[in-house]
């Protein structure tokens, strides 16, 4: 395998991101939710640490989704027929993404809920 320079590696990485966003539903969903969460963080003026945590969780979940997709594609190219062993591997990969997304959601609720409650109190008791 040929050694690549940095610009080639960067180009291949960007091509992978574009491919994932173009063809993979779950990557699109995770990216969209992550984007909305970051925008909400800016709107609610999260602290630097809170925003960093949101960005970290977002990056972890989206990256895990890309890994999951890559492993699924590799397994599908290996054997297109149903295989109980391949099913277990795919299920485990999907579980990893789910666990990260679950903890990201819990962390997001811990960060956003107090602000949302305050915002709703202002709307309800003072009017908009």
N, C-alpha and C. Protein backbone atom coordinates (compact mmCIF):
# COMPACT_ATOMS: atom_id res chain seq x y z
N UNK A 1 0.84 -1.18 0.00
CA UNK A 1 0.00 0.00 0.00
C UNK A 1 0.88 1.24 0.00
N UNK A 2 0.50 2.17 -0.83
CA UNK A 2 1.27 3.40 -1.01
C UNK A 2 1.07 4.35 0.18
N UNK A 3 2.15 5.01 0.59
CA UNK A 3 2.06 6.01 1.64
C UNK A 3 1.40 7.26 1.06
N UNK A 4 0.44 7.79 1.78
CA UNK A 4 -0.27 8.99 1.32
C UNK A 4 0.25 10.22 2.04
N UNK A 5 0.16 11.34 1.35
CA UNK A 5 0.51 12.59 2.02
C UNK A 5 -0.74 13.12 2.75
N UNK A 6 -0.56 14.16 3.51
CA UNK A 6 -1.64 14.68 4.35
C UNK A 6 -2.84 15.12 3.52
N UNK A 7 -2.60 15.82 2.42
CA UNK A 7 -3.72 16.33 1.62
C UNK A 7 -4.54 15.19 1.01
N UNK A 8 -3.89 14.10 0.61
CA UNK A 8 -4.63 12.94 0.10
C UNK A 8 -5.48 12.32 1.21
N UNK A 9 -4.89 12.16 2.37
CA UNK A 9 -5.63 11.59 3.51
C UNK A 9 -6.83 12.45 3.87
N UNK A 10 -6.62 13.75 3.86
CA UNK A 10 -7.71 14.68 4.17
C UNK A 10 -8.82 14.58 3.12
N UNK A 11 -8.42 14.50 1.86
CA UNK A 11 -9.41 14.39 0.76
C UNK A 11 -10.21 13.10 0.91
N UNK A 12 -9.55 11.98 1.21
CA UNK A 12 -10.26 10.70 1.39
C UNK A 12 -11.21 10.77 2.58
N UNK A 13 -10.78 11.44 3.64
CA UNK A 13 -11.65 11.59 4.82
C UNK A 13 -12.90 12.38 4.47
N UNK A 14 -12.73 13.46 3.75
CA UNK A 14 -13.87 14.30 3.35
C UNK A 14 -14.79 13.53 2.42
N UNK A 15 -14.20 12.73 1.49
CA UNK A 15 -15.02 11.90 0.61
C UNK A 15 -15.86 10.90 1.42
N UNK A 16 -15.27 10.35 2.47
CA UNK A 16 -16.01 9.43 3.33
C UNK A 16 -17.16 10.11 4.06
N UNK A 17 -16.91 11.32 4.55
CA UNK A 17 -17.96 12.08 5.23
C UNK A 17 -19.09 12.37 4.25
N UNK A 18 -18.74 12.83 3.05
CA UNK A 18 -19.76 13.14 2.05
C UNK A 18 -20.55 11.89 1.69
N UNK A 19 -19.86 10.77 1.49
CA UNK A 19 -20.55 9.52 1.16
C UNK A 19 -21.52 9.13 2.26
N UNK A 20 -21.05 9.19 3.50
CA UNK A 20 -21.91 8.82 4.63
C UNK A 20 -23.14 9.69 4.74
N UNK A 21 -22.94 11.01 4.57
CA UNK A 21 -24.07 11.93 4.66
C UNK A 21 -25.02 11.79 3.47
N UNK A 22 -24.51 11.33 2.35
CA UNK A 22 -25.33 11.19 1.16
C UNK A 22 -26.15 9.90 1.16
N UNK A 23 -25.55 8.80 1.64
CA UNK A 23 -26.17 7.49 1.46
C UNK A 23 -26.66 6.80 2.73
N UNK A 24 -26.21 7.21 3.88
CA UNK A 24 -26.54 6.48 5.10
C UNK A 24 -27.53 7.24 5.98
N UNK A 25 -28.73 6.69 6.12
CA UNK A 25 -29.80 7.33 6.88
C UNK A 25 -29.39 7.63 8.31
N UNK A 26 -28.80 6.64 9.00
CA UNK A 26 -28.47 6.85 10.42
C UNK A 26 -27.39 7.91 10.61
N UNK A 27 -26.45 7.99 9.67
CA UNK A 27 -25.44 9.05 9.75
C UNK A 27 -26.10 10.40 9.58
N UNK A 28 -27.03 10.51 8.63
CA UNK A 28 -27.76 11.76 8.43
C UNK A 28 -28.51 12.15 9.71
N UNK A 29 -29.18 11.18 10.32
CA UNK A 29 -29.96 11.44 11.54
C UNK A 29 -29.04 11.92 12.66
N UNK A 30 -27.94 11.19 12.90
CA UNK A 30 -27.02 11.55 13.99
C UNK A 30 -26.40 12.92 13.73
N UNK A 31 -26.04 13.19 12.48
CA UNK A 31 -25.46 14.49 12.13
C UNK A 31 -26.47 15.62 12.37
N UNK A 32 -27.71 15.42 11.94
CA UNK A 32 -28.75 16.43 12.09
C UNK A 32 -29.04 16.70 13.57
N UNK A 33 -29.17 15.65 14.37
CA UNK A 33 -29.41 15.82 15.81
C UNK A 33 -28.23 16.54 16.46
N UNK A 34 -27.02 16.14 16.08
CA UNK A 34 -25.83 16.80 16.62
C UNK A 34 -25.78 18.27 16.27
N UNK A 35 -26.10 18.59 15.03
CA UNK A 35 -26.11 19.98 14.59
C UNK A 35 -27.15 20.79 15.36
N UNK A 36 -28.35 20.23 15.51
CA UNK A 36 -29.41 20.92 16.27
C UNK A 36 -28.99 21.14 17.72
N UNK A 37 -28.33 20.15 18.29
CA UNK A 37 -27.90 20.25 19.69
C UNK A 37 -26.84 21.34 19.86
N UNK A 38 -25.90 21.41 18.94
CA UNK A 38 -24.87 22.45 19.00
C UNK A 38 -25.50 23.83 18.82
N UNK A 39 -26.42 23.96 17.87
CA UNK A 39 -27.12 25.23 17.67
C UNK A 39 -27.90 25.61 18.93
N UNK A 40 -28.59 24.64 19.53
CA UNK A 40 -29.32 24.91 20.77
C UNK A 40 -28.36 25.35 21.87
N UNK A 41 -27.18 24.74 21.91
CA UNK A 41 -26.17 25.14 22.90
C UNK A 41 -25.75 26.58 22.73
N UNK A 42 -25.62 27.01 21.49
CA UNK A 42 -25.26 28.41 21.24
C UNK A 42 -26.41 29.34 21.59
N UNK A 43 -27.64 28.94 21.25
CA UNK A 43 -28.82 29.76 21.57
C UNK A 43 -28.99 29.92 23.08
N UNK A 44 -28.82 28.81 23.82
CA UNK A 44 -28.99 28.84 25.28
C UNK A 44 -27.72 29.32 26.00
N UNK A 45 -26.72 29.73 25.23
CA UNK A 45 -25.48 30.28 25.79
C UNK A 45 -24.87 29.35 26.84
N UNK A 46 -24.61 28.11 26.43
CA UNK A 46 -23.95 27.17 27.32
C UNK A 46 -22.57 27.68 27.69
N UNK A 47 -22.08 27.23 28.82
CA UNK A 47 -20.71 27.58 29.20
C UNK A 47 -19.75 26.90 28.22
N UNK A 48 -18.51 27.32 28.23
CA UNK A 48 -17.51 26.70 27.35
C UNK A 48 -17.40 25.20 27.62
N UNK A 49 -17.38 24.82 28.89
CA UNK A 49 -17.26 23.40 29.25
C UNK A 49 -18.48 22.62 28.75
N UNK A 50 -19.67 23.17 28.95
CA UNK A 50 -20.88 22.48 28.50
C UNK A 50 -20.88 22.34 26.98
N UNK A 51 -20.49 23.37 26.29
CA UNK A 51 -20.44 23.31 24.83
C UNK A 51 -19.39 22.30 24.36
N UNK A 52 -18.26 22.26 25.04
CA UNK A 52 -17.23 21.26 24.72
C UNK A 52 -17.76 19.84 24.92
N UNK A 53 -18.52 19.64 26.00
CA UNK A 53 -19.11 18.31 26.23
C UNK A 53 -20.10 17.95 25.14
N UNK A 54 -20.91 18.90 24.73
CA UNK A 54 -21.87 18.66 23.64
C UNK A 54 -21.12 18.30 22.36
N UNK A 55 -20.07 19.06 22.05
CA UNK A 55 -19.29 18.78 20.85
C UNK A 55 -18.61 17.42 20.93
N UNK A 56 -18.09 17.08 22.11
CA UNK A 56 -17.43 15.78 22.29
C UNK A 56 -18.41 14.63 22.08
N UNK A 57 -19.57 14.71 22.75
CA UNK A 57 -20.58 13.65 22.59
C UNK A 57 -21.03 13.56 21.14
N UNK A 58 -21.25 14.71 20.50
CA UNK A 58 -21.69 14.72 19.11
C UNK A 58 -20.65 14.02 18.22
N UNK A 59 -19.39 14.38 18.40
CA UNK A 59 -18.32 13.76 17.62
C UNK A 59 -18.21 12.27 17.87
N UNK A 60 -18.37 11.86 19.13
CA UNK A 60 -18.29 10.44 19.46
C UNK A 60 -19.42 9.64 18.81
N UNK A 61 -20.63 10.15 18.90
CA UNK A 61 -21.77 9.42 18.35
C UNK A 61 -21.68 9.34 16.83
N UNK A 62 -21.36 10.45 16.19
CA UNK A 62 -21.26 10.44 14.72
C UNK A 62 -20.10 9.54 14.27
N UNK A 63 -18.98 9.61 14.95
CA UNK A 63 -17.84 8.75 14.61
C UNK A 63 -18.21 7.28 14.79
N UNK A 64 -18.90 6.96 15.87
CA UNK A 64 -19.31 5.58 16.10
C UNK A 64 -20.24 5.11 14.98
N UNK A 65 -21.10 5.98 14.52
CA UNK A 65 -22.01 5.63 13.43
C UNK A 65 -21.23 5.35 12.15
N UNK A 66 -20.17 6.13 11.90
CA UNK A 66 -19.32 5.87 10.73
C UNK A 66 -18.60 4.53 10.88
N UNK A 67 -18.06 4.25 12.08
CA UNK A 67 -17.41 2.94 12.30
C UNK A 67 -18.41 1.80 12.09
N UNK A 68 -19.60 1.96 12.64
CA UNK A 68 -20.64 0.94 12.51
C UNK A 68 -20.94 0.69 11.03
N UNK A 69 -21.10 1.75 10.27
CA UNK A 69 -21.39 1.62 8.85
C UNK A 69 -20.23 0.94 8.12
N UNK A 70 -19.00 1.33 8.44
CA UNK A 70 -17.84 0.73 7.78
C UNK A 70 -17.76 -0.77 8.06
N UNK A 71 -18.00 -1.15 9.30
CA UNK A 71 -17.95 -2.57 9.66
C UNK A 71 -19.07 -3.33 8.95
N UNK A 72 -20.28 -2.76 8.92
CA UNK A 72 -21.38 -3.40 8.21
C UNK A 72 -21.06 -3.58 6.73
N UNK A 73 -20.51 -2.54 6.09
CA UNK A 73 -20.16 -2.64 4.66
C UNK A 73 -19.10 -3.70 4.44
N UNK A 74 -18.11 -3.76 5.32
CA UNK A 74 -17.05 -4.77 5.19
C UNK A 74 -17.63 -6.18 5.32
N UNK A 75 -18.51 -6.36 6.30
CA UNK A 75 -19.12 -7.68 6.50
C UNK A 75 -20.03 -8.06 5.34
N UNK A 76 -20.77 -7.08 4.81
CA UNK A 76 -21.64 -7.35 3.66
C UNK A 76 -20.82 -7.72 2.43
N UNK A 77 -19.65 -7.12 2.26
CA UNK A 77 -18.83 -7.46 1.10
C UNK A 77 -18.17 -8.83 1.28
N UNK A 78 -18.00 -9.24 2.52
CA UNK A 78 -17.43 -10.55 2.81
C UNK A 78 -18.43 -11.66 2.51
N UNK A 79 -19.69 -11.46 2.94
CA UNK A 79 -20.72 -12.49 2.75
C UNK A 79 -22.08 -11.82 2.70
N UNK A 80 -22.72 -11.88 1.54
CA UNK A 80 -24.02 -11.24 1.37
C UNK A 80 -25.17 -12.08 1.94
N UNK A 81 -24.92 -13.35 2.17
CA UNK A 81 -25.96 -14.23 2.72
C UNK A 81 -26.07 -14.04 4.23
N UNK A 82 -27.25 -14.38 4.76
CA UNK A 82 -27.45 -14.27 6.21
C UNK A 82 -26.49 -15.19 6.94
N UNK A 83 -25.88 -14.66 7.96
CA UNK A 83 -24.98 -15.44 8.81
C UNK A 83 -25.24 -15.05 10.26
N UNK A 84 -25.52 -16.04 11.12
CA UNK A 84 -25.74 -15.71 12.54
C UNK A 84 -24.54 -15.01 13.18
N UNK A 85 -23.33 -15.39 12.80
CA UNK A 85 -22.13 -14.75 13.38
C UNK A 85 -22.04 -13.30 12.95
N UNK A 86 -22.29 -13.04 11.66
CA UNK A 86 -22.23 -11.66 11.17
C UNK A 86 -23.34 -10.83 11.81
N UNK A 87 -24.51 -11.44 12.01
CA UNK A 87 -25.60 -10.73 12.67
C UNK A 87 -25.18 -10.28 14.07
N UNK A 88 -24.53 -11.15 14.80
CA UNK A 88 -24.08 -10.80 16.16
C UNK A 88 -23.09 -9.63 16.10
N UNK A 89 -22.16 -9.68 15.17
CA UNK A 89 -21.17 -8.60 15.05
C UNK A 89 -21.87 -7.28 14.73
N UNK A 90 -22.81 -7.31 13.78
CA UNK A 90 -23.55 -6.10 13.42
C UNK A 90 -24.37 -5.59 14.59
N UNK A 91 -25.01 -6.51 15.32
CA UNK A 91 -25.81 -6.11 16.49
C UNK A 91 -24.93 -5.46 17.56
N UNK A 92 -23.74 -6.02 17.78
CA UNK A 92 -22.83 -5.46 18.77
C UNK A 92 -22.38 -4.05 18.36
N UNK A 93 -22.10 -3.87 17.08
CA UNK A 93 -21.70 -2.54 16.60
C UNK A 93 -22.84 -1.54 16.77
N UNK A 94 -24.05 -1.96 16.41
CA UNK A 94 -25.21 -1.08 16.58
C UNK A 94 -25.43 -0.76 18.06
N UNK A 95 -25.17 -1.73 18.92
CA UNK A 95 -25.31 -1.51 20.37
C UNK A 95 -24.34 -0.46 20.87
N UNK A 96 -23.12 -0.47 20.33
CA UNK A 96 -22.12 0.52 20.74
C UNK A 96 -22.60 1.93 20.40
N UNK A 97 -23.16 2.10 19.21
CA UNK A 97 -23.69 3.40 18.81
C UNK A 97 -24.85 3.79 19.73
N UNK A 98 -25.74 2.83 19.99
CA UNK A 98 -26.89 3.10 20.84
C UNK A 98 -26.47 3.53 22.25
N UNK A 99 -25.49 2.84 22.81
CA UNK A 99 -25.02 3.18 24.16
C UNK A 99 -24.44 4.60 24.18
N UNK A 100 -23.62 4.93 23.19
CA UNK A 100 -23.08 6.30 23.12
C UNK A 100 -24.20 7.33 22.97
N UNK A 101 -25.16 7.04 22.09
CA UNK A 101 -26.27 7.97 21.87
C UNK A 101 -27.10 8.13 23.14
N UNK A 102 -27.30 7.04 23.87
CA UNK A 102 -28.07 7.08 25.12
C UNK A 102 -27.37 7.97 26.15
N UNK A 103 -26.07 7.77 26.33
CA UNK A 103 -25.34 8.58 27.31
C UNK A 103 -25.23 10.04 26.85
N UNK A 104 -25.13 10.24 25.54
CA UNK A 104 -25.12 11.62 25.02
C UNK A 104 -26.46 12.29 25.31
N UNK A 105 -27.54 11.55 25.14
CA UNK A 105 -28.88 12.10 25.42
C UNK A 105 -29.03 12.44 26.89
N UNK A 106 -28.60 11.54 27.76
CA UNK A 106 -28.69 11.79 29.20
C UNK A 106 -27.85 13.02 29.57
N UNK A 107 -26.64 13.11 29.03
CA UNK A 107 -25.79 14.27 29.30
C UNK A 107 -26.44 15.55 28.78
N UNK A 108 -27.03 15.47 27.59
CA UNK A 108 -27.72 16.63 27.02
C UNK A 108 -28.88 17.07 27.89
N UNK A 109 -29.63 16.11 28.41
CA UNK A 109 -30.75 16.45 29.30
C UNK A 109 -30.25 17.12 30.58
N UNK A 110 -29.16 16.62 31.13
CA UNK A 110 -28.59 17.22 32.35
C UNK A 110 -28.19 18.67 32.08
N UNK A 111 -27.64 18.92 30.90
CA UNK A 111 -27.18 20.26 30.56
C UNK A 111 -28.35 21.17 30.18
N UNK A 112 -29.28 20.67 29.36
CA UNK A 112 -30.32 21.53 28.80
C UNK A 112 -31.57 21.65 29.67
N UNK A 113 -31.94 20.62 30.43
CA UNK A 113 -33.21 20.66 31.17
C UNK A 113 -33.37 21.88 32.08
N UNK A 114 -32.38 22.23 32.89
CA UNK A 114 -32.56 23.42 33.74
C UNK A 114 -32.83 24.68 32.92
N UNK A 115 -32.16 24.82 31.80
CA UNK A 115 -32.38 25.99 30.94
C UNK A 115 -33.76 25.95 30.30
N UNK A 116 -34.18 24.77 29.85
CA UNK A 116 -35.51 24.64 29.25
C UNK A 116 -36.60 24.93 30.26
N UNK A 117 -36.44 24.45 31.48
CA UNK A 117 -37.43 24.71 32.53
C UNK A 117 -37.51 26.21 32.82
N UNK A 118 -36.36 26.87 32.94
CA UNK A 118 -36.35 28.32 33.17
C UNK A 118 -37.00 29.06 32.01
N UNK A 119 -36.71 28.65 30.80
CA UNK A 119 -37.28 29.27 29.61
C UNK A 119 -38.80 29.11 29.60
N UNK A 120 -39.29 27.91 29.92
CA UNK A 120 -40.73 27.67 29.93
C UNK A 120 -41.42 28.47 31.04
N UNK A 121 -40.77 28.61 32.19
CA UNK A 121 -41.34 29.41 33.28
C UNK A 121 -41.49 30.86 32.86
N UNK A 122 -40.51 31.37 32.16
CA UNK A 122 -40.57 32.75 31.67
C UNK A 122 -41.73 32.91 30.71
N UNK A 123 -41.89 31.97 29.79
CA UNK A 123 -42.97 32.04 28.80
C UNK A 123 -44.34 31.92 29.47
N UNK A 124 -44.47 30.98 30.40
CA UNK A 124 -45.77 30.72 31.03
C UNK A 124 -46.18 31.87 31.96
N UNK A 125 -45.24 32.33 32.80
CA UNK A 125 -45.60 33.30 33.83
C UNK A 125 -45.48 34.76 33.40
N UNK A 126 -44.70 35.04 32.40
CA UNK A 126 -44.53 36.43 31.96
C UNK A 126 -45.13 36.67 30.58
N UNK A 127 -45.38 35.62 29.88
CA UNK A 127 -45.88 35.78 28.50
C UNK A 127 -44.73 36.12 27.58
N UNK A 128 -44.97 35.93 26.31
CA UNK A 128 -43.91 36.20 25.33
C UNK A 128 -44.02 37.57 24.78
